PDB file of N, CA and C in Angstrom:
ATOM      1  N   UNK A   1      56.206  18.318  27.771  1.00  0.00           N
ATOM      2  CA  UNK A   1      55.905  17.360  26.725  1.00  0.00           C
ATOM      3  C   UNK A   1      57.142  17.192  25.835  1.00  0.00           C
ATOM      4  N   UNK A   2      57.453  15.956  25.504  1.00  0.00           N
ATOM      5  CA  UNK A   2      58.622  15.670  24.661  1.00  0.00           C
ATOM      6  C   UNK A   2      58.375  16.158  23.238  1.00  0.00           C
ATOM      7  N   UNK A   3      59.435  16.607  22.554  1.00  0.00           N
ATOM      8  CA  UNK A   3      59.275  17.019  21.161  1.00  0.00           C
ATOM      9  C   UNK A   3      58.703  15.868  20.332  1.00  0.00           C
ATOM     10  N   UNK A   4      57.735  16.180  19.486  1.00  0.00           N
ATOM     11  CA  UNK A   4      57.133  15.165  18.640  1.00  0.00           C
ATOM     12  C   UNK A   4      56.004  14.391  19.281  1.00  0.00           C
ATOM     13  N   UNK A   5      55.692  14.695  20.555  1.00  0.00           N
ATOM     14  CA  UNK A   5      54.642  13.933  21.236  1.00  0.00           C
ATOM     15  C   UNK A   5      53.287  14.637  21.213  1.00  0.00           C
ATOM     16  N   UNK A   6      53.253  15.858  20.707  1.00  0.00           N
ATOM     17  CA  UNK A   6      51.980  16.579  20.610  1.00  0.00           C
ATOM     18  C   UNK A   6      51.109  15.916  19.548  1.00  0.00           C
ATOM     19  N   UNK A   7      49.831  15.739  19.864  1.00  0.00           N
ATOM     20  CA  UNK A   7      48.917  15.111  18.914  1.00  0.00           C
ATOM     21  C   UNK A   7      48.493  16.114  17.846  1.00  0.00           C
ATOM     22  N   UNK A   8      48.544  15.652  16.597  1.00  0.00           N
ATOM     23  CA  UNK A   8      48.216  16.479  15.446  1.00  0.00           C
ATOM     24  C   UNK A   8      47.257  15.692  14.558  1.00  0.00           C
ATOM     25  N   UNK A   9      46.253  16.371  14.029  1.00  0.00           N
ATOM     26  CA  UNK A   9      45.305  15.728  13.122  1.00  0.00           C
ATOM     27  C   UNK A   9      45.588  16.089  11.678  1.00  0.00           C
ATOM     28  N   UNK A  10      45.459  15.106  10.822  1.00  0.00           N
ATOM     29  CA  UNK A  10      45.593  15.304   9.369  1.00  0.00           C
ATOM     30  C   UNK A  10      44.514  14.471   8.688  1.00  0.00           C
ATOM     31  N   UNK A  11      44.147  14.907   7.518  1.00  0.00           N
ATOM     32  CA  UNK A  11      43.178  14.168   6.721  1.00  0.00           C
ATOM     33  C   UNK A  11      43.924  13.230   5.775  1.00  0.00           C
ATOM     34  N   UNK A  12      43.578  11.942   5.857  1.00  0.00           N
ATOM     35  CA  UNK A  12      44.156  10.927   4.975  1.00  0.00           C
ATOM     36  C   UNK A  12      43.033   9.984   4.546  1.00  0.00           C
ATOM     37  N   UNK A  13      43.186   9.302   3.409  1.00  0.00           N
ATOM     38  CA  UNK A  13      42.102   8.451   2.924  1.00  0.00           C
ATOM     39  C   UNK A  13      41.914   7.187   3.756  1.00  0.00           C
ATOM     40  N   UNK A  14      40.642   6.865   4.028  1.00  0.00           N
ATOM     41  CA  UNK A  14      40.322   5.635   4.746  1.00  0.00           C
ATOM     42  C   UNK A  14      40.114   4.503   3.739  1.00  0.00           C
ATOM     43  N   UNK A  15      39.619   3.372   4.207  1.00  0.00           N
ATOM     44  CA  UNK A  15      39.426   2.199   3.352  1.00  0.00           C
ATOM     45  C   UNK A  15      38.536   2.471   2.145  1.00  0.00           C
ATOM     46  N   UNK A  16      37.666   3.464   2.254  1.00  0.00           N
ATOM     47  CA  UNK A  16      36.732   3.782   1.179  1.00  0.00           C
ATOM     48  C   UNK A  16      37.234   4.911   0.270  1.00  0.00           C
ATOM     49  N   UNK A  17      38.479   5.380   0.528  1.00  0.00           N
ATOM     50  CA  UNK A  17      39.039   6.463  -0.268  1.00  0.00           C
ATOM     51  C   UNK A  17      38.516   7.827   0.124  1.00  0.00           C
ATOM     52  N   UNK A  18      37.836   7.900   1.267  1.00  0.00           N
ATOM     53  CA  UNK A  18      37.280   9.161   1.762  1.00  0.00           C
ATOM     54  C   UNK A  18      38.225   9.707   2.828  1.00  0.00           C
ATOM     55  N   UNK A  19      38.578  10.976   2.714  1.00  0.00           N
ATOM     56  CA  UNK A  19      39.478  11.567   3.694  1.00  0.00           C
ATOM     57  C   UNK A  19      38.853  11.534   5.082  1.00  0.00           C
ATOM     58  N   UNK A  20      39.653  11.051   6.030  1.00  0.00           N
ATOM     59  CA  UNK A  20      39.235  10.972   7.433  1.00  0.00           C
ATOM     60  C   UNK A  20      40.377  11.521   8.273  1.00  0.00           C
ATOM     61  N   UNK A  21      40.037  12.155   9.370  1.00  0.00           N
ATOM     62  CA  UNK A  21      41.076  12.728  10.213  1.00  0.00           C
ATOM     63  C   UNK A  21      41.720  11.644  11.077  1.00  0.00           C
ATOM     64  N   UNK A  22      43.037  11.581  11.014  1.00  0.00           N
ATOM     65  CA  UNK A  22      43.825  10.733  11.898  1.00  0.00           C
ATOM     66  C   UNK A  22      44.560  11.660  12.853  1.00  0.00           C
ATOM     67  N   UNK A  23      44.441  11.394  14.132  1.00  0.00           N
ATOM     68  CA  UNK A  23      45.102  12.205  15.156  1.00  0.00           C
ATOM     69  C   UNK A  23      46.130  11.315  15.845  1.00  0.00           C
ATOM     70  N   UNK A  24      47.395  11.598  15.558  1.00  0.00           N
ATOM     71  CA  UNK A  24      48.503  10.816  16.103  1.00  0.00           C
ATOM     72  C   UNK A  24      49.618  11.775  16.525  1.00  0.00           C
ATOM     73  N   UNK A  25      50.600  11.291  17.281  1.00  0.00           N
ATOM     74  CA  UNK A  25      51.693  12.174  17.688  1.00  0.00           C
ATOM     75  C   UNK A  25      52.450  12.744  16.486  1.00  0.00           C
ATOM     76  N   UNK A  26      52.850  13.974  16.650  1.00  0.00           N
ATOM     77  CA  UNK A  26      53.574  14.713  15.610  1.00  0.00           C
ATOM     78  C   UNK A  26      54.784  13.931  15.087  1.00  0.00           C
ATOM     79  N   UNK A  27      55.483  13.235  15.976  1.00  0.00           N
ATOM     80  CA  UNK A  27      56.645  12.448  15.567  1.00  0.00           C
ATOM     81  C   UNK A  27      56.298  11.347  14.580  1.00  0.00           C
ATOM     82  N   UNK A  28      55.094  10.789  14.699  1.00  0.00           N
ATOM     83  CA  UNK A  28      54.683   9.750  13.749  1.00  0.00           C
ATOM     84  C   UNK A  28      54.278  10.350  12.413  1.00  0.00           C
ATOM     85  N   UNK A  29      53.798  11.593  12.427  1.00  0.00           N
ATOM     86  CA  UNK A  29      53.577  12.277  11.153  1.00  0.00           C
ATOM     87  C   UNK A  29      54.914  12.525  10.463  1.00  0.00           C
ATOM     88  N   UNK A  30      55.959  12.787  11.239  1.00  0.00           N
ATOM     89  CA  UNK A  30      57.292  12.971  10.650  1.00  0.00           C
ATOM     90  C   UNK A  30      57.735  11.673   9.970  1.00  0.00           C
ATOM     91  N   UNK A  31      57.442  10.530  10.586  1.00  0.00           N
ATOM     92  CA  UNK A  31      57.772   9.251   9.962  1.00  0.00           C
ATOM     93  C   UNK A  31      56.943   9.063   8.686  1.00  0.00           C
ATOM     94  N   UNK A  32      55.661   9.381   8.757  1.00  0.00           N
ATOM     95  CA  UNK A  32      54.777   9.311   7.583  1.00  0.00           C
ATOM     96  C   UNK A  32      55.368  10.149   6.447  1.00  0.00           C
ATOM     97  N   UNK A  33      55.779  11.383   6.766  1.00  0.00           N
ATOM     98  CA  UNK A  33      56.366  12.272   5.758  1.00  0.00           C
ATOM     99  C   UNK A  33      57.667  11.704   5.204  1.00  0.00           C
ATOM    100  N   UNK A  34      58.461  11.057   6.065  1.00  0.00           N
ATOM    101  CA  UNK A  34      59.693  10.414   5.615  1.00  0.00           C
ATOM    102  C   UNK A  34      59.358   9.333   4.585  1.00  0.00           C
ATOM    103  N   UNK A  35      58.311   8.567   4.843  1.00  0.00           N
ATOM    104  CA  UNK A  35      57.880   7.529   3.899  1.00  0.00           C
ATOM    105  C   UNK A  35      57.504   8.145   2.549  1.00  0.00           C
ATOM    106  N   UNK A  36      56.792   9.270   2.600  1.00  0.00           N
ATOM    107  CA  UNK A  36      56.420   9.975   1.362  1.00  0.00           C
ATOM    108  C   UNK A  36      57.685  10.411   0.623  1.00  0.00           C
ATOM    109  N   UNK A  37      58.670  10.933   1.360  1.00  0.00           N
ATOM    110  CA  UNK A  37      59.937  11.372   0.753  1.00  0.00           C
ATOM    111  C   UNK A  37      60.670  10.212   0.079  1.00  0.00           C
ATOM    112  N   UNK A  38      60.440   8.994   0.563  1.00  0.00           N
ATOM    113  CA  UNK A  38      61.060   7.809  -0.037  1.00  0.00           C
ATOM    114  C   UNK A  38      60.346   7.394  -1.325  1.00  0.00           C
ATOM    115  N   UNK A  39      59.218   8.060  -1.627  1.00  0.00           N
ATOM    116  CA  UNK A  39      58.484   7.777  -2.850  1.00  0.00           C
ATOM    117  C   UNK A  39      57.353   6.775  -2.672  1.00  0.00           C
ATOM    118  N   UNK A  40      57.008   6.454  -1.443  1.00  0.00           N
ATOM    119  CA  UNK A  40      55.950   5.485  -1.185  1.00  0.00           C
ATOM    120  C   UNK A  40      54.578   6.133  -1.334  1.00  0.00           C
ATOM    121  N   UNK A  41      53.631   5.387  -1.828  1.00  0.00           N
ATOM    122  CA  UNK A  41      52.256   5.865  -1.997  1.00  0.00           C
ATOM    123  C   UNK A  41      51.526   5.686  -0.666  1.00  0.00           C
ATOM    124  N   UNK A  42      51.623   6.681   0.181  1.00  0.00           N
ATOM    125  CA  UNK A  42      51.052   6.571   1.526  1.00  0.00           C
ATOM    126  C   UNK A  42      49.528   6.679   1.516  1.00  0.00           C
ATOM    127  N   UNK A  43      48.937   7.274   0.483  1.00  0.00           N
ATOM    128  CA  UNK A  43      47.471   7.256   0.383  1.00  0.00           C
ATOM    129  C   UNK A  43      46.994   5.818   0.206  1.00  0.00           C
ATOM    130  N   UNK A  44      47.645   5.089  -0.689  1.00  0.00           N
ATOM    131  CA  UNK A  44      47.297   3.677  -0.897  1.00  0.00           C
ATOM    132  C   UNK A  44      47.538   2.888   0.394  1.00  0.00           C
ATOM    133  N   UNK A  45      48.653   3.175   1.062  1.00  0.00           N
ATOM    134  CA  UNK A  45      48.996   2.481   2.309  1.00  0.00           C
ATOM    135  C   UNK A  45      47.924   2.710   3.371  1.00  0.00           C
ATOM    136  N   UNK A  46      47.490   3.966   3.562  1.00  0.00           N
ATOM    137  CA  UNK A  46      46.480   4.228   4.601  1.00  0.00           C
ATOM    138  C   UNK A  46      45.165   3.535   4.270  1.00  0.00           C
ATOM    139  N   UNK A  47      44.810   3.487   3.004  1.00  0.00           N
ATOM    140  CA  UNK A  47      43.581   2.792   2.612  1.00  0.00           C
ATOM    141  C   UNK A  47      43.706   1.291   2.900  1.00  0.00           C
ATOM    142  N   UNK A  48      44.856   0.716   2.596  1.00  0.00           N
ATOM    143  CA  UNK A  48      45.081  -0.713   2.801  1.00  0.00           C
ATOM    144  C   UNK A  48      45.057  -1.082   4.280  1.00  0.00           C
ATOM    145  N   UNK A  49      45.766  -0.308   5.107  1.00  0.00           N
ATOM    146  CA  UNK A  49      45.785  -0.660   6.538  1.00  0.00           C
ATOM    147  C   UNK A  49      44.415  -0.459   7.179  1.00  0.00           C
ATOM    148  N   UNK A  50      43.637   0.480   6.659  1.00  0.00           N
ATOM    149  CA  UNK A  50      42.295   0.673   7.205  1.00  0.00           C
ATOM    150  C   UNK A  50      41.385  -0.499   6.846  1.00  0.00           C
ATOM    151  N   UNK A  51      41.588  -1.096   5.682  1.00  0.00           N
ATOM    152  CA  UNK A  51      40.788  -2.261   5.283  1.00  0.00           C
ATOM    153  C   UNK A  51      41.030  -3.445   6.211  1.00  0.00           C
ATOM    154  N   UNK A  52      42.216  -3.490   6.829  1.00  0.00           N
ATOM    155  CA  UNK A  52      42.579  -4.599   7.720  1.00  0.00           C
ATOM    156  C   UNK A  52      42.393  -4.241   9.201  1.00  0.00           C
ATOM    157  N   UNK A  53      41.787  -3.109   9.468  1.00  0.00           N
ATOM    158  CA  UNK A  53      41.664  -2.611  10.844  1.00  0.00           C
ATOM    159  C   UNK A  53      40.845  -3.555  11.717  1.00  0.00           C
ATOM    160  N   UNK A  54      41.342  -3.770  12.936  1.00  0.00           N
ATOM    161  CA  UNK A  54      40.584  -4.511  13.947  1.00  0.00           C
ATOM    162  C   UNK A  54      39.430  -3.605  14.365  1.00  0.00           C
ATOM    163  N   UNK A  55      38.191  -4.108  14.374  1.00  0.00           N
ATOM    164  CA  UNK A  55      37.027  -3.253  14.646  1.00  0.00           C
ATOM    165  C   UNK A  55      37.080  -2.463  15.959  1.00  0.00           C
ATOM    166  N   UNK A  56      37.815  -2.952  16.953  1.00  0.00           N
ATOM    167  CA  UNK A  56      37.863  -2.237  18.231  1.00  0.00           C
ATOM    168  C   UNK A  56      38.786  -1.018  18.204  1.00  0.00           C
ATOM    169  N   UNK A  57      39.560  -0.848  17.143  1.00  0.00           N
ATOM    170  CA  UNK A  57      40.475   0.291  17.045  1.00  0.00           C
ATOM    171  C   UNK A  57      39.850   1.436  16.266  1.00  0.00           C
ATOM    172  N   UNK A  58      40.166   2.650  16.680  1.00  0.00           N
ATOM    173  CA  UNK A  58      39.753   3.817  15.916  1.00  0.00           C
ATOM    174  C   UNK A  58      40.668   3.950  14.689  1.00  0.00           C
ATOM    175  N   UNK A  59      40.266   4.783  13.762  1.00  0.00           N
ATOM    176  CA  UNK A  59      41.086   5.058  12.585  1.00  0.00           C
ATOM    177  C   UNK A  59      42.471   5.545  13.017  1.00  0.00           C
ATOM    178  N   UNK A  60      42.506   6.455  13.985  1.00  0.00           N
ATOM    179  CA  UNK A  60      43.778   7.015  14.464  1.00  0.00           C
ATOM    180  C   UNK A  60      44.635   5.959  15.150  1.00  0.00           C
ATOM    181  N   UNK A  61      44.042   5.164  16.022  1.00  0.00           N
ATOM    182  CA  UNK A  61      44.794   4.115  16.723  1.00  0.00           C
ATOM    183  C   UNK A  61      45.395   3.124  15.735  1.00  0.00           C
ATOM    184  N   UNK A  62      44.609   2.756  14.740  1.00  0.00           N
ATOM    185  CA  UNK A  62      45.074   1.812  13.740  1.00  0.00           C
ATOM    186  C   UNK A  62      46.253   2.379  12.960  1.00  0.00           C
ATOM    187  N   UNK A  63      46.137   3.637  12.575  1.00  0.00           N
ATOM    188  CA  UNK A  63      47.205   4.258  11.797  1.00  0.00           C
ATOM    189  C   UNK A  63      48.491   4.378  12.617  1.00  0.00           C
ATOM    190  N   UNK A  64      48.360   4.814  13.852  1.00  0.00           N
ATOM    191  CA  UNK A  64      49.515   4.963  14.740  1.00  0.00           C
ATOM    192  C   UNK A  64      50.204   3.615  14.908  1.00  0.00           C
ATOM    193  N   UNK A  65      49.442   2.575  15.205  1.00  0.00           N
ATOM    194  CA  UNK A  65      50.016   1.244  15.391  1.00  0.00           C
ATOM    195  C   UNK A  65      50.648   0.697  14.121  1.00  0.00           C
ATOM    196  N   UNK A  66      50.017   0.937  12.989  1.00  0.00           N
ATOM    197  CA  UNK A  66      50.548   0.438  11.718  1.00  0.00           C
ATOM    198  C   UNK A  66      51.857   1.149  11.357  1.00  0.00           C
ATOM    199  N   UNK A  67      51.941   2.449  11.620  1.00  0.00           N
ATOM    200  CA  UNK A  67      53.191   3.171  11.383  1.00  0.00           C
ATOM    201  C   UNK A  67      54.300   2.636  12.277  1.00  0.00           C
ATOM    202  N   UNK A  68      53.967   2.360  13.528  1.00  0.00           N
ATOM    203  CA  UNK A  68      54.947   1.820  14.476  1.00  0.00           C
ATOM    204  C   UNK A  68      55.439   0.451  14.005  1.00  0.00           C
ATOM    205  N   UNK A  69      54.515  -0.421  13.605  1.00  0.00           N
ATOM    206  CA  UNK A  69      54.908  -1.751  13.135  1.00  0.00           C
ATOM    207  C   UNK A  69      55.746  -1.663  11.864  1.00  0.00           C
ATOM    208  N   UNK A  70      55.403  -0.739  10.972  1.00  0.00           N
ATOM    209  CA  UNK A  70      56.182  -0.549   9.755  1.00  0.00           C
ATOM    210  C   UNK A  70      57.596  -0.099  10.097  1.00  0.00           C
ATOM    211  N   UNK A  71      57.716   0.875  10.978  1.00  0.00           N
ATOM    212  CA  UNK A  71      59.033   1.390  11.366  1.00  0.00           C
ATOM    213  C   UNK A  71      59.864   0.298  12.033  1.00  0.00           C
ATOM    214  N   UNK A  72      59.255  -0.452  12.946  1.00  0.00           N
ATOM    215  CA  UNK A  72      59.973  -1.533  13.641  1.00  0.00           C
ATOM    216  C   UNK A  72      60.392  -2.621  12.663  1.00  0.00           C
ATOM    217  N   UNK A  73      59.500  -2.997  11.766  1.00  0.00           N
ATOM    218  CA  UNK A  73      59.802  -4.053  10.796  1.00  0.00           C
ATOM    219  C   UNK A  73      60.952  -3.639   9.879  1.00  0.00           C
ATOM    220  N   UNK A  74      60.897  -2.423   9.385  1.00  0.00           N
ATOM    221  CA  UNK A  74      61.966  -1.949   8.493  1.00  0.00           C
ATOM    222  C   UNK A  74      63.303  -1.933   9.224  1.00  0.00           C
ATOM    223  N   UNK A  75      63.301  -1.493  10.472  1.00  0.00           N
ATOM    224  CA  UNK A  75      64.539  -1.457  11.254  1.00  0.00           C
ATOM    225  C   UNK A  75      65.068  -2.881  11.459  1.00  0.00           C
ATOM    226  N   UNK A  76      64.186  -3.807  11.819  1.00  0.00           N
ATOM    227  CA  UNK A  76      64.574  -5.200  12.064  1.00  0.00           C
ATOM    228  C   UNK A  76      65.144  -5.833  10.802  1.00  0.00           C
ATOM    229  N   UNK A  77      64.586  -5.490   9.648  1.00  0.00           N
ATOM    230  CA  UNK A  77      65.014  -6.066   8.378  1.00  0.00           C
ATOM    231  C   UNK A  77      66.250  -5.377   7.793  1.00  0.00           C
ATOM    232  N   UNK A  78      66.725  -4.315   8.475  1.00  0.00           N
ATOM    233  CA  UNK A  78      67.913  -3.612   7.999  1.00  0.00           C
ATOM    234  C   UNK A  78      67.664  -2.724   6.797  1.00  0.00           C
ATOM    235  N   UNK A  79      66.395  -2.339   6.592  1.00  0.00           N
ATOM    236  CA  UNK A  79      66.045  -1.467   5.478  1.00  0.00           C
ATOM    237  C   UNK A  79      66.239  -0.012   5.870  1.00  0.00           C
ATOM    238  N   UNK A  80      66.205   0.879   4.885  1.00  0.00           N
ATOM    239  CA  UNK A  80      66.409   2.296   5.174  1.00  0.00           C
ATOM    240  C   UNK A  80      65.371   2.787   6.180  1.00  0.00           C
ATOM    241  N   UNK A  81      65.847   3.596   7.118  1.00  0.00           N
ATOM    242  CA  UNK A  81      65.021   4.140   8.196  1.00  0.00           C
ATOM    243  C   UNK A  81      65.479   5.567   8.485  1.00  0.00           C
ATOM    244  N   UNK A  82      64.611   6.358   9.101  1.00  0.00           N
ATOM    245  CA  UNK A  82      65.035   7.699   9.489  1.00  0.00           C
ATOM    246  C   UNK A  82      66.185   7.625  10.497  1.00  0.00           C
ATOM    247  N   UNK A  83      66.928   8.702  10.640  1.00  0.00           N
ATOM    248  CA  UNK A  83      68.083   8.685  11.542  1.00  0.00           C
ATOM    249  C   UNK A  83      67.742   8.457  13.013  1.00  0.00           C
ATOM    250  N   UNK A  84      66.498   8.709  13.418  1.00  0.00           N
ATOM    251  CA  UNK A  84      66.148   8.544  14.833  1.00  0.00           C
ATOM    252  C   UNK A  84      65.678   7.125  15.165  1.00  0.00           C
ATOM    253  N   UNK A  85      65.956   6.162  14.306  1.00  0.00           N
ATOM    254  CA  UNK A  85      65.560   4.768  14.535  1.00  0.00           C
ATOM    255  C   UNK A  85      66.522   4.121  15.520  1.00  0.00           C
ATOM    256  N   UNK A  86      66.158   3.079  16.236  1.00  0.00           N
ATOM    257  CA  UNK A  86      64.889   2.355  16.175  1.00  0.00           C
ATOM    258  C   UNK A  86      63.778   3.115  16.898  1.00  0.00           C
ATOM    259  N   UNK A  87      62.526   2.784  16.562  1.00  0.00           N
ATOM    260  CA  UNK A  87      61.396   3.449  17.207  1.00  0.00           C
ATOM    261  C   UNK A  87      61.307   3.078  18.692  1.00  0.00           C
ATOM    262  N   UNK A  88      60.724   3.973  19.461  1.00  0.00           N
ATOM    263  CA  UNK A  88      60.478   3.688  20.876  1.00  0.00           C
ATOM    264  C   UNK A  88      59.602   2.440  20.972  1.00  0.00           C
ATOM    265  N   UNK A  89      59.947   1.543  21.881  1.00  0.00           N
ATOM    266  CA  UNK A  89      59.187   0.314  22.048  1.00  0.00           C
ATOM    267  C   UNK A  89      59.633  -0.800  21.125  1.00  0.00           C
ATOM    268  N   UNK A  90      60.763  -0.630  20.452  1.00  0.00           N
ATOM    269  CA  UNK A  90      61.248  -1.628  19.497  1.00  0.00           C
ATOM    270  C   UNK A  90      61.438  -2.993  20.156  1.00  0.00           C
ATOM    271  N   UNK A  91      61.970  -3.021  21.360  1.00  0.00           N
ATOM    272  CA  UNK A  91      62.173  -4.313  22.036  1.00  0.00           C
ATOM    273  C   UNK A  91      60.835  -5.000  22.308  1.00  0.00           C
ATOM    274  N   UNK A  92      59.789  -4.221  22.592  1.00  0.00           N
ATOM    275  CA  UNK A  92      58.448  -4.801  22.771  1.00  0.00           C
ATOM    276  C   UNK A  92      57.969  -5.438  21.470  1.00  0.00           C
ATOM    277  N   UNK A  93      58.272  -4.789  20.345  1.00  0.00           N
ATOM    278  CA  UNK A  93      57.912  -5.326  19.037  1.00  0.00           C
ATOM    279  C   UNK A  93      58.599  -6.669  18.815  1.00  0.00           C
ATOM    280  N   UNK A  94      59.903  -6.724  19.112  1.00  0.00           N
ATOM    281  CA  UNK A  94      60.649  -7.968  18.917  1.00  0.00           C
ATOM    282  C   UNK A  94      60.057  -9.101  19.749  1.00  0.00           C
ATOM    283  N   UNK A  95      59.716  -8.803  21.001  1.00  0.00           N
ATOM    284  CA  UNK A  95      59.120  -9.816  21.879  1.00  0.00           C
ATOM    285  C   UNK A  95      57.763 -10.269  21.340  1.00  0.00           C
ATOM    286  N   UNK A  96      56.962  -9.338  20.842  1.00  0.00           N
ATOM    287  CA  UNK A  96      55.640  -9.680  20.312  1.00  0.00           C
ATOM    288  C   UNK A  96      55.758 -10.537  19.047  1.00  0.00           C
ATOM    289  N   UNK A  97      56.739 -10.254  18.215  1.00  0.00           N
ATOM    290  CA  UNK A  97      56.972 -11.072  17.016  1.00  0.00           C
ATOM    291  C   UNK A  97      57.399 -12.474  17.439  1.00  0.00           C
ATOM    292  N   UNK A  98      58.293 -12.539  18.411  1.00  0.00           N
ATOM    293  CA  UNK A  98      58.775 -13.838  18.926  1.00  0.00           C
ATOM    294  C   UNK A  98      57.620 -14.689  19.465  1.00  0.00           C
ATOM    295  N   UNK A  99      56.691 -14.055  20.183  1.00  0.00           N
ATOM    296  CA  UNK A  99      55.523 -14.772  20.745  1.00  0.00           C
ATOM    297  C   UNK A  99      54.487 -15.111  19.680  1.00  0.00           C
ATOM    298  N   UNK A 100      54.575 -14.463  18.524  1.00  0.00           N
ATOM    299  CA  UNK A 100      53.597 -14.685  17.479  1.00  0.00           C
ATOM    300  C   UNK A 100      52.406 -13.739  17.560  1.00  0.00           C
ATOM    301  N   UNK A 101      52.508 -12.715  18.422  1.00  0.00           N
ATOM    302  CA  UNK A 101      51.419 -11.739  18.550  1.00  0.00           C
ATOM    303  C   UNK A 101      51.377 -10.765  17.373  1.00  0.00           C
ATOM    304  N   UNK A 102      52.538 -10.480  16.796  1.00  0.00           N
ATOM    305  CA  UNK A 102      52.644  -9.585  15.643  1.00  0.00           C
ATOM    306  C   UNK A 102      53.362 -10.315  14.535  1.00  0.00           C
ATOM    307  N   UNK A 103      53.029  -9.918  13.318  1.00  0.00           N
ATOM    308  CA  UNK A 103      53.805 -10.357  12.170  1.00  0.00           C
ATOM    309  C   UNK A 103      54.586  -9.156  11.675  1.00  0.00           C
ATOM    310  N   UNK A 104      55.763  -9.409  11.155  1.00  0.00           N
ATOM    311  CA  UNK A 104      56.523  -8.320  10.570  1.00  0.00           C
ATOM    312  C   UNK A 104      55.807  -7.795   9.352  1.00  0.00           C
ATOM    313  N   UNK A 105      55.987  -6.515   9.099  1.00  0.00           N
ATOM    314  CA  UNK A 105      55.417  -5.874   7.920  1.00  0.00           C
ATOM    315  C   UNK A 105      56.497  -5.887   6.850  1.00  0.00           C
ATOM    316  N   UNK A 106      56.140  -6.343   5.675  1.00  0.00           N
ATOM    317  CA  UNK A 106      57.093  -6.347   4.567  1.00  0.00           C
ATOM    318  C   UNK A 106      56.628  -5.363   3.517  1.00  0.00           C
ATOM    319  N   UNK A 107      57.321  -4.208   3.459  1.00  0.00           N
ATOM    320  CA  UNK A 107      56.903  -3.162   2.519  1.00  0.00           C
ATOM    321  C   UNK A 107      57.132  -3.567   1.075  1.00  0.00           C
TER     322      UNK A 107
END
């Protein structure tokens, strides 16, 4: 297993402000922690992205995807990013934005 690919669960607030377990790869928790280190209110962020969740996605799937889109968007916009950027699948993100399947996230 690649470093950072092990799934880890953490409790974070959902749309209702109630802690819910999100299980995502360890590497994405590292990105989440990097965001916290930047001074971002990630509790507010998790509540907001959960309010916009597509009903077919689990809480964990939604969070993982939202972190990926945030990381890709920040990299594309030339904003500060962790040293291991761009995120895996970045070219897929660019193609999806070009097709109109995704919108960039503006922090």
